[in-house]
C-alpha atoms as a PDB file:
ATOM      1  CA  UNK A   1      38.276 -25.536  20.075  1.00  0.00           C
ATOM      2  CA  UNK A   2      35.710 -28.103  18.977  1.00  0.00           C
ATOM      3  CA  UNK A   3      32.398 -27.386  18.430  1.00  0.00           C
ATOM      4  CA  UNK A   4      32.408 -24.192  19.841  1.00  0.00           C
ATOM      5  CA  UNK A   5      34.041 -25.388  22.639  1.00  0.00           C
ATOM      6  CA  UNK A   6      37.017 -24.293  24.363  1.00  0.00           C
ATOM      7  CA  UNK A   7      39.403 -27.071  25.226  1.00  0.00           C
ATOM      8  CA  UNK A   8      41.219 -27.337  27.979  1.00  0.00           C
ATOM      9  CA  UNK A   9      44.665 -26.411  29.542  1.00  0.00           C
ATOM     10  CA  UNK A  10      47.007 -29.049  28.748  1.00  0.00           C
ATOM     11  CA  UNK A  11      50.322 -27.685  29.271  1.00  0.00           C
ATOM     12  CA  UNK A  12      52.061 -26.990  32.738  1.00  0.00           C
ATOM     13  CA  UNK A  13      54.506 -24.346  33.563  1.00  0.00           C
ATOM     14  CA  UNK A  14      58.627 -25.533  31.573  1.00  0.00           C
ATOM     15  CA  UNK A  15      60.450 -23.984  34.001  1.00  0.00           C
ATOM     16  CA  UNK A  16      58.777 -26.278  37.034  1.00  0.00           C
ATOM     17  CA  UNK A  17      58.318 -28.948  34.831  1.00  0.00           C
ATOM     18  CA  UNK A  18      62.300 -29.259  34.294  1.00  0.00           C
ATOM     19  CA  UNK A  19      63.075 -28.330  37.776  1.00  0.00           C
ATOM     20  CA  UNK A  20      60.401 -31.294  38.797  1.00  0.00           C
ATOM     21  CA  UNK A  21      62.486 -33.541  36.274  1.00  0.00           C
ATOM     22  CA  UNK A  22      65.612 -32.859  37.644  1.00  0.00           C
ATOM     23  CA  UNK A  23      65.048 -33.306  41.296  1.00  0.00           C
ATOM     24  CA  UNK A  24      63.464 -36.955  40.402  1.00  0.00           C
ATOM     25  CA  UNK A  25      66.850 -37.953  38.779  1.00  0.00           C
ATOM     26  CA  UNK A  26      68.697 -36.994  41.560  1.00  0.00           C
ATOM     27  CA  UNK A  27      66.206 -38.231  44.145  1.00  0.00           C
ATOM     28  CA  UNK A  28      66.236 -41.698  42.477  1.00  0.00           C
ATOM     29  CA  UNK A  29      69.535 -42.093  42.662  1.00  0.00           C
ATOM     30  CA  UNK A  30      69.767 -41.730  46.686  1.00  0.00           C
ATOM     31  CA  UNK A  31      66.886 -43.521  47.393  1.00  0.00           C
ATOM     32  CA  UNK A  32      67.731 -46.814  48.009  1.00  0.00           C
ATOM     33  CA  UNK A  33      70.327 -47.768  50.595  1.00  0.00           C
ATOM     34  CA  UNK A  34      72.597 -49.550  48.413  1.00  0.00           C
ATOM     35  CA  UNK A  35      73.196 -47.415  46.332  1.00  0.00           C
ATOM     36  CA  UNK A  36      74.618 -44.485  49.837  1.00  0.00           C
ATOM     37  CA  UNK A  37      76.200 -47.603  50.537  1.00  0.00           C
ATOM     38  CA  UNK A  38      78.120 -47.999  47.366  1.00  0.00           C
ATOM     39  CA  UNK A  39      78.807 -45.163  47.176  1.00  0.00           C
ATOM     40  CA  UNK A  40      80.567 -44.561  50.438  1.00  0.00           C
ATOM     41  CA  UNK A  41      82.100 -47.345  49.380  1.00  0.00           C
ATOM     42  CA  UNK A  42      83.465 -46.127  46.596  1.00  0.00           C
ATOM     43  CA  UNK A  43      84.850 -42.763  48.854  1.00  0.00           C
ATOM     44  CA  UNK A  44      86.412 -44.891  51.199  1.00  0.00           C
ATOM     45  CA  UNK A  45      88.664 -46.919  48.420  1.00  0.00           C
ATOM     46  CA  UNK A  46      89.340 -43.073  47.445  1.00  0.00           C
ATOM     47  CA  UNK A  47      90.067 -41.914  50.442  1.00  0.00           C
ATOM     48  CA  UNK A  48      88.460 -38.907  50.884  1.00  0.00           C
ATOM     49  CA  UNK A  49      85.336 -39.770  52.744  1.00  0.00           C
ATOM     50  CA  UNK A  50      84.571 -37.120  55.163  1.00  0.00           C
ATOM     51  CA  UNK A  51      84.652 -34.285  52.865  1.00  0.00           C
ATOM     52  CA  UNK A  52      82.863 -35.927  50.103  1.00  0.00           C
ATOM     53  CA  UNK A  53      79.952 -37.151  52.757  1.00  0.00           C
ATOM     54  CA  UNK A  54      79.635 -33.421  53.582  1.00  0.00           C
ATOM     55  CA  UNK A  55      79.123 -32.139  50.265  1.00  0.00           C
ATOM     56  CA  UNK A  56      76.737 -35.198  49.713  1.00  0.00           C
ATOM     57  CA  UNK A  57      74.434 -34.462  52.413  1.00  0.00           C
ATOM     58  CA  UNK A  58      73.832 -31.172  52.002  1.00  0.00           C
ATOM     59  CA  UNK A  59      73.846 -31.617  48.050  1.00  0.00           C
ATOM     60  CA  UNK A  60      70.820 -34.595  49.674  1.00  0.00           C
ATOM     61  CA  UNK A  61      69.450 -31.739  51.016  1.00  0.00           C
ATOM     62  CA  UNK A  62      69.313 -29.358  48.593  1.00  0.00           C
ATOM     63  CA  UNK A  63      67.790 -31.990  46.761  1.00  0.00           C
ATOM     64  CA  UNK A  64      65.303 -32.455  49.018  1.00  0.00           C
ATOM     65  CA  UNK A  65      64.232 -28.978  49.667  1.00  0.00           C
ATOM     66  CA  UNK A  66      64.469 -28.558  45.892  1.00  0.00           C
ATOM     67  CA  UNK A  67      61.916 -31.789  45.521  1.00  0.00           C
ATOM     68  CA  UNK A  68      59.257 -30.488  48.127  1.00  0.00           C
ATOM     69  CA  UNK A  69      59.479 -27.118  46.716  1.00  0.00           C
ATOM     70  CA  UNK A  70      58.997 -28.028  43.236  1.00  0.00           C
ATOM     71  CA  UNK A  71      56.283 -30.292  44.308  1.00  0.00           C
ATOM     72  CA  UNK A  72      54.760 -27.499  46.338  1.00  0.00           C
ATOM     73  CA  UNK A  73      55.154 -25.660  42.877  1.00  0.00           C
ATOM     74  CA  UNK A  74      53.537 -28.614  40.905  1.00  0.00           C
ATOM     75  CA  UNK A  75      50.339 -28.320  43.201  1.00  0.00           C
ATOM     76  CA  UNK A  76      50.299 -24.889  43.286  1.00  0.00           C
ATOM     77  CA  UNK A  77      50.421 -25.144  38.704  1.00  0.00           C
ATOM     78  CA  UNK A  78      47.688 -28.198  39.184  1.00  0.00           C
ATOM     79  CA  UNK A  79      45.946 -26.435  41.312  1.00  0.00           C
ATOM     80  CA  UNK A  80      45.659 -22.972  39.143  1.00  0.00           C
ATOM     81  CA  UNK A  81      45.291 -25.515  36.210  1.00  0.00           C
ATOM     82  CA  UNK A  82      42.241 -26.723  37.888  1.00  0.00           C
ATOM     83  CA  UNK A  83      40.939 -22.902  38.200  1.00  0.00           C
ATOM     84  CA  UNK A  84      41.578 -22.426  34.626  1.00  0.00           C
ATOM     85  CA  UNK A  85      39.935 -25.137  33.478  1.00  0.00           C
ATOM     86  CA  UNK A  86      37.011 -24.118  36.182  1.00  0.00           C
ATOM     87  CA  UNK A  87      36.694 -20.809  34.863  1.00  0.00           C
ATOM     88  CA  UNK A  88      37.160 -22.548  31.210  1.00  0.00           C
ATOM     89  CA  UNK A  89      33.813 -24.190  31.988  1.00  0.00           C
ATOM     90  CA  UNK A  90      32.021 -21.663  32.869  1.00  0.00           C
ATOM     91  CA  UNK A  91      32.617 -19.498  30.186  1.00  0.00           C
ATOM     92  CA  UNK A  92      31.828 -22.010  28.061  1.00  0.00           C
ATOM     93  CA  UNK A  93      28.517 -21.773  29.755  1.00  0.00           C
ATOM     94  CA  UNK A  94      28.561 -18.373  29.748  1.00  0.00           C
ATOM     95  CA  UNK A  95      28.968 -18.518  25.987  1.00  0.00           C
ATOM     96  CA  UNK A  96      26.188 -21.127  25.333  1.00  0.00           C
ATOM     97  CA  UNK A  97      23.825 -19.081  26.977  1.00  0.00           C
ATOM     98  CA  UNK A  98      24.872 -15.749  24.985  1.00  0.00           C
ATOM     99  CA  UNK A  99      24.884 -18.273  22.254  1.00  0.00           C
ATOM    100  CA  UNK A 100      21.097 -18.785  23.213  1.00  0.00           C
ATOM    101  CA  UNK A 101      20.326 -15.402  23.923  1.00  0.00           C
ATOM    102  CA  UNK A 102      21.605 -14.595  20.561  1.00  0.00           C
ATOM    103  CA  UNK A 103      19.591 -16.918  18.690  1.00  0.00           C
ATOM    104  CA  UNK A 104      16.343 -15.223  20.227  1.00  0.00           C
ATOM    105  CA  UNK A 105      17.449 -11.881  19.800  1.00  0.00           C
ATOM    106  CA  UNK A 106      17.599 -12.530  15.986  1.00  0.00           C
ATOM    107  CA  UNK A 107      14.436 -14.720  15.930  1.00  0.00           C
ATOM    108  CA  UNK A 108      12.329 -11.404  17.952  1.00  0.00           C
ATOM    109  CA  UNK A 109      14.363  -8.688  15.448  1.00  0.00           C
ATOM    110  CA  UNK A 110      13.496 -11.166  12.130  1.00  0.00           C
ATOM    111  CA  UNK A 111       9.413 -11.182  13.206  1.00  0.00           C
ATOM    112  CA  UNK A 112       9.803  -7.210  14.061  1.00  0.00           C
ATOM    113  CA  UNK A 113      11.224  -6.426  10.724  1.00  0.00           C
ATOM    114  CA  UNK A 114       8.345  -8.678   9.323  1.00  0.00           C
ATOM    115  CA  UNK A 115       5.664  -6.520  11.412  1.00  0.00           C
ATOM    116  CA  UNK A 116       7.324  -3.505  10.263  1.00  0.00           C
ATOM    117  CA  UNK A 117       7.483  -4.692   6.107  1.00  0.00           C
ATOM    118  CA  UNK A 118       3.877  -5.876   6.999  1.00  0.00           C
ATOM    119  CA  UNK A 119       2.824  -2.241   8.098  1.00  0.00           C
ATOM    120  CA  UNK A 120       4.688  -0.602   5.729  1.00  0.00           C
ATOM    121  CA  UNK A 121       2.950  -2.485   2.693  1.00  0.00           C
ATOM    122  CA  UNK A 122      -0.357  -1.833   4.640  1.00  0.00           C
ATOM    123  CA  UNK A 123       0.581   2.578   4.284  1.00  0.00           C
ATOM    124  CA  UNK A 124       1.641   2.004   1.341  1.00  0.00           C
ATOM    125  CA  UNK A 125      -1.713   0.521   0.331  1.00  0.00           C
ATOM    126  CA  UNK A 126      -3.579   2.707   2.386  1.00  0.00           C
ATOM    127  CA  UNK A 127      -2.063   5.568   0.320  1.00  0.00           C
ATOM    128  CA  UNK A 128      -2.792   4.170  -3.016  1.00  0.00           C
ATOM    129  CA  UNK A 129      -6.495   3.562  -1.614  1.00  0.00           C
ATOM    130  CA  UNK A 130      -6.713   7.259  -0.892  1.00  0.00           C
ATOM    131  CA  UNK A 131      -4.921   8.552  -4.069  1.00  0.00           C
ATOM    132  CA  UNK A 132      -7.506   6.316  -6.188  1.00  0.00           C
ATOM    133  CA  UNK A 133     -10.858   8.083  -3.998  1.00  0.00           C
ATOM    134  CA  UNK A 134      -9.461  11.340  -4.681  1.00  0.00           C
ATOM    135  CA  UNK A 135      -8.612  10.658  -8.308  1.00  0.00           C
ATOM    136  CA  UNK A 136     -12.405   8.939  -8.148  1.00  0.00           C
ATOM    137  CA  UNK A 137     -13.975  11.952  -6.213  1.00  0.00           C
ATOM    138  CA  UNK A 138     -12.125  14.359  -9.395  1.00  0.00           C
ATOM    139  CA  UNK A 139     -13.796  12.320 -11.797  1.00  0.00           C
ATOM    140  CA  UNK A 140     -16.994  12.201 -10.387  1.00  0.00           C
ATOM    141  CA  UNK A 141     -17.578  15.639  -9.815  1.00  0.00           C
ATOM    142  CA  UNK A 142     -15.889  16.267 -13.674  1.00  0.00           C
ATOM    143  CA  UNK A 143     -18.427  14.280 -15.007  1.00  0.00           C
ATOM    144  CA  UNK A 144     -21.096  15.703 -12.213  1.00  0.00           C
ATOM    145  CA  UNK A 145     -20.350  19.095 -14.055  1.00  0.00           C
ATOM    146  CA  UNK A 146     -20.575  17.461 -17.695  1.00  0.00           C
ATOM    147  CA  UNK A 147     -23.987  16.107 -16.808  1.00  0.00           C
ATOM    148  CA  UNK A 148     -24.706  19.728 -15.667  1.00  0.00           C
ATOM    149  CA  UNK A 149     -23.763  21.749 -17.837  1.00  0.00           C
ATOM    150  CA  UNK A 150     -25.537  19.334 -20.830  1.00  0.00           C
ATOM    151  CA  UNK A 151     -28.637  19.728 -18.854  1.00  0.00           C
ATOM    152  CA  UNK A 152     -28.163  23.747 -18.590  1.00  0.00           C
ATOM    153  CA  UNK A 153     -27.465  23.225 -22.838  1.00  0.00           C
ATOM    154  CA  UNK A 154     -30.885  21.506 -22.851  1.00  0.00           C
ATOM    155  CA  UNK A 155     -32.755  23.312 -20.616  1.00  0.00           C
ATOM    156  CA  UNK A 156     -31.872  26.598 -22.819  1.00  0.00           C
ATOM    157  CA  UNK A 157     -32.415  24.916 -26.031  1.00  0.00           C
ATOM    158  CA  UNK A 158     -35.884  24.155 -24.726  1.00  0.00           C
ATOM    159  CA  UNK A 159     -36.645  27.537 -23.385  1.00  0.00           C
ATOM    160  CA  UNK A 160     -35.368  28.919 -26.955  1.00  0.00           C
ATOM    161  CA  UNK A 161     -37.882  26.900 -28.485  1.00  0.00           C
ATOM    162  CA  UNK A 162     -40.181  27.550 -25.629  1.00  0.00           C
ATOM    163  CA  UNK A 163     -39.912  31.397 -26.655  1.00  0.00           C
ATOM    164  CA  UNK A 164     -40.064  31.132 -30.370  1.00  0.00           C
ATOM    165  CA  UNK A 165     -43.902  29.126 -30.435  1.00  0.00           C
ATOM    166  CA  UNK A 166     -44.542  32.436 -27.973  1.00  0.00           C
ATOM    167  CA  UNK A 167     -43.453  34.448 -30.055  1.00  0.00           C
ATOM    168  CA  UNK A 168     -45.259  32.822 -32.767  1.00  0.00           C
ATOM    169  CA  UNK A 169     -48.750  31.974 -30.670  1.00  0.00           C
ATOM    170  CA  UNK A 170     -48.090  36.668 -29.515  1.00  0.00           C
ATOM    171  CA  UNK A 171     -47.910  36.782 -33.600  1.00  0.00           C
ATOM    172  CA  UNK A 172     -50.763  34.829 -34.245  1.00  0.00           C
ATOM    173  CA  UNK A 173     -52.648  36.178 -31.318  1.00  0.00           C
ATOM    174  CA  UNK A 174     -51.913  40.204 -32.508  1.00  0.00           C
ATOM    175  CA  UNK A 175     -52.762  39.084 -36.669  1.00  0.00           C
ATOM    176  CA  UNK A 176     -56.382  37.905 -34.753  1.00  0.00           C
ATOM    177  CA  UNK A 177     -56.704  40.881 -32.473  1.00  0.00           C
ATOM    178  CA  UNK A 178     -56.102  42.769 -36.087  1.00  0.00           C
ATOM    179  CA  UNK A 179     -58.378  41.109 -37.905  1.00  0.00           C
ATOM    180  CA  UNK A 180     -61.152  41.396 -34.747  1.00  0.00           C
ATOM    181  CA  UNK A 181     -60.361  44.783 -34.901  1.00  0.00           C
ATOM    182  CA  UNK A 182     -61.100  45.516 -38.143  1.00  0.00           C
ATOM    183  CA  UNK A 183     -64.173  42.988 -38.267  1.00  0.00           C
ATOM    184  CA  UNK A 184     -65.197  45.529 -35.558  1.00  0.00           C
ATOM    185  CA  UNK A 185     -64.322  48.599 -37.525  1.00  0.00           C
ATOM    186  CA  UNK A 186     -66.248  47.237 -40.499  1.00  0.00           C
ATOM    187  CA  UNK A 187     -70.429  48.393 -41.183  1.00  0.00           C
ATOM    188  CA  UNK A 188     -73.097  45.461 -39.927  1.00  0.00           C
ATOM    189  CA  UNK A 189     -73.435  44.526 -43.092  1.00  0.00           C
ATOM    190  CA  UNK A 190     -69.937  43.771 -44.188  1.00  0.00           C
ATOM    191  CA  UNK A 191     -69.201  41.760 -40.438  1.00  0.00           C
ATOM    192  CA  UNK A 192     -72.011  39.523 -41.111  1.00  0.00           C
ATOM    193  CA  UNK A 193     -71.187  38.566 -44.665  1.00  0.00           C
ATOM    194  CA  UNK A 194     -67.461  37.995 -43.030  1.00  0.00           C
ATOM    195  CA  UNK A 195     -68.844  35.728 -40.402  1.00  0.00           C
ATOM    196  CA  UNK A 196     -70.987  33.915 -42.717  1.00  0.00           C
ATOM    197  CA  UNK A 197     -67.953  33.121 -44.941  1.00  0.00           C
ATOM    198  CA  UNK A 198     -65.821  32.008 -42.515  1.00  0.00           C
ATOM    199  CA  UNK A 199     -68.193  29.276 -41.097  1.00  0.00           C
ATOM    200  CA  UNK A 200     -68.628  27.860 -45.153  1.00  0.00           C
ATOM    201  CA  UNK A 201     -64.741  28.164 -44.709  1.00  0.00           C
ATOM    202  CA  UNK A 202     -64.897  26.041 -41.250  1.00  0.00           C
ATOM    203  CA  UNK A 203     -67.404  23.850 -42.669  1.00  0.00           C
ATOM    204  CA  UNK A 204     -65.552  23.273 -45.705  1.00  0.00           C
ATOM    205  CA  UNK A 205     -62.356  22.516 -44.181  1.00  0.00           C
ATOM    206  CA  UNK A 206     -64.247  19.897 -42.589  1.00  0.00           C
ATOM    207  CA  UNK A 207     -65.431  18.406 -44.949  1.00  0.00           C
ATOM    208  CA  UNK A 208     -62.959  17.993 -47.360  1.00  0.00           C
ATOM    209  CA  UNK A 209     -60.511  20.661 -47.094  1.00  0.00           C
ATOM    210  CA  UNK A 210     -61.570  22.403 -50.894  1.00  0.00           C
ATOM    211  CA  UNK A 211     -59.180  25.011 -52.297  1.00  0.00           C
ATOM    212  CA  UNK A 212     -59.681  28.410 -53.161  1.00  0.00           C
ATOM    213  CA  UNK A 213     -60.197  27.475 -56.937  1.00  0.00           C
ATOM    214  CA  UNK A 214     -62.997  25.162 -56.062  1.00  0.00           C
ATOM    215  CA  UNK A 215     -64.846  27.756 -53.897  1.00  0.00           C
ATOM    216  CA  UNK A 216     -64.254  31.390 -56.324  1.00  0.00           C
ATOM    217  CA  UNK A 217     -65.720  29.756 -59.752  1.00  0.00           C
ATOM    218  CA  UNK A 218     -66.885  32.107 -62.839  1.00  0.00           C
ATOM    219  CA  UNK A 219     -70.126  33.381 -62.848  1.00  0.00           C
ATOM    220  CA  UNK A 220     -70.978  31.139 -65.839  1.00  0.00           C
ATOM    221  CA  UNK A 221     -70.785  28.286 -64.030  1.00  0.00           C
ATOM    222  CA  UNK A 222     -72.629  29.221 -61.060  1.00  0.00           C
ATOM    223  CA  UNK A 223     -75.376  29.994 -63.184  1.00  0.00           C
ATOM    224  CA  UNK A 224     -75.202  26.493 -64.707  1.00  0.00           C
ATOM    225  CA  UNK A 225     -75.238  24.515 -60.962  1.00  0.00           C
ATOM    226  CA  UNK A 226     -78.159  26.453 -59.914  1.00  0.00           C
ATOM    227  CA  UNK A 227     -79.667  25.081 -62.963  1.00  0.00           C
ATOM    228  CA  UNK A 228     -78.901  21.647 -62.108  1.00  0.00           C
ATOM    229  CA  UNK A 229     -78.783  21.520 -58.079  1.00  0.00           C
ATOM    230  CA  UNK A 230     -78.612  23.728 -54.969  1.00  0.00           C
ATOM    231  CA  UNK A 231     -76.189  26.797 -54.663  1.00  0.00           C
ATOM    232  CA  UNK A 232     -72.957  26.723 -53.677  1.00  0.00           C
ATOM    233  CA  UNK A 233     -71.662  28.059 -50.384  1.00  0.00           C
ATOM    234  CA  UNK A 234     -68.727  30.103 -52.611  1.00  0.00           C
ATOM    235  CA  UNK A 235     -72.021  31.682 -54.716  1.00  0.00           C
ATOM    236  CA  UNK A 236     -73.485  32.264 -51.355  1.00  0.00           C
ATOM    237  CA  UNK A 237     -71.057  34.183 -50.423  1.00  0.00           C
ATOM    238  CA  UNK A 238     -70.403  36.333 -53.501  1.00  0.00           C
ATOM    239  CA  UNK A 239     -73.533  37.304 -53.326  1.00  0.00           C
ATOM    240  CA  UNK A 240     -73.677  38.605 -49.866  1.00  0.00           C
ATOM    241  CA  UNK A 241     -70.467  40.406 -49.958  1.00  0.00           C
ATOM    242  CA  UNK A 242     -71.266  44.465 -49.678  1.00  0.00           C
ATOM    243  CA  UNK A 243     -71.205  46.696 -53.065  1.00  0.00           C
ATOM    244  CA  UNK A 244     -68.544  48.370 -53.914  1.00  0.00           C
END
C-alpha cells in the first residue's frame, strides 16, 4: 500500500504457473521437424520404433491438451486478475470518497462543537448575569429598607421633639391662663396696678433689659432720685401697689 492506495495483485496461482511451464518445456522440445526426425532415427536404430511412436504421439497429444488447458486456465487467471484489479480500483475510489466524506463530517462536527461551546458559554454568562441582578435587587431592597428605617427614626425623633415643644407650649399656655384667671379674680385696683407693672416691664425689656435689682431699689434712693429728676417706673409701681 502506498499513499493510502492498495497495490494491484501481481501473483498468479502457483499450480497453473507450474503446469504451464512444464507444458512449454515439453512442447518446445517437439516443435521443430528436425527434433522429431532425429527422434525417429534414434528410435529406428534401437529397433523399437512403432511402439515408441505411438507413445510419443499419445504423449504429444497429452501435452497439447495440457497446454490448451493451461492456456485456458491462464486466461481465466488473467481475467480474474483484471477483475480483481478493477475491483481494487473501485475500492480505492470508494476509499477516497469515504475519506472525503469523513473529512467533511469531521469539519461539520468541529463547527458543531464550537457552536455548542459558544452556546454553553452564553448560557453560563446569562446565568451569572441573572444571579448578579438577583444580588443587586436584594442589595437594593436592603438599602431601601435601611434608608426607610433611618427616615422613620428621624420622623419619630421629629415627632418627639414636636411633642415636647407642644407640651412646653401647653404648660406656658396653662400658666398664662392661670395668671389671667388670677388677675380676673383680683380687685380692680390690683388688676390695674399689675397691668401697669406688666407694661413697664415690657418697656424696660425693650429698651435695655434692666434686672429686678435696679427696678426694686430702697425708699431712700427713690427719694433722692425724685429730688434729682423724674420718678422711676419702679417707684410708680410701688406707689400703685394695693394696701395690705
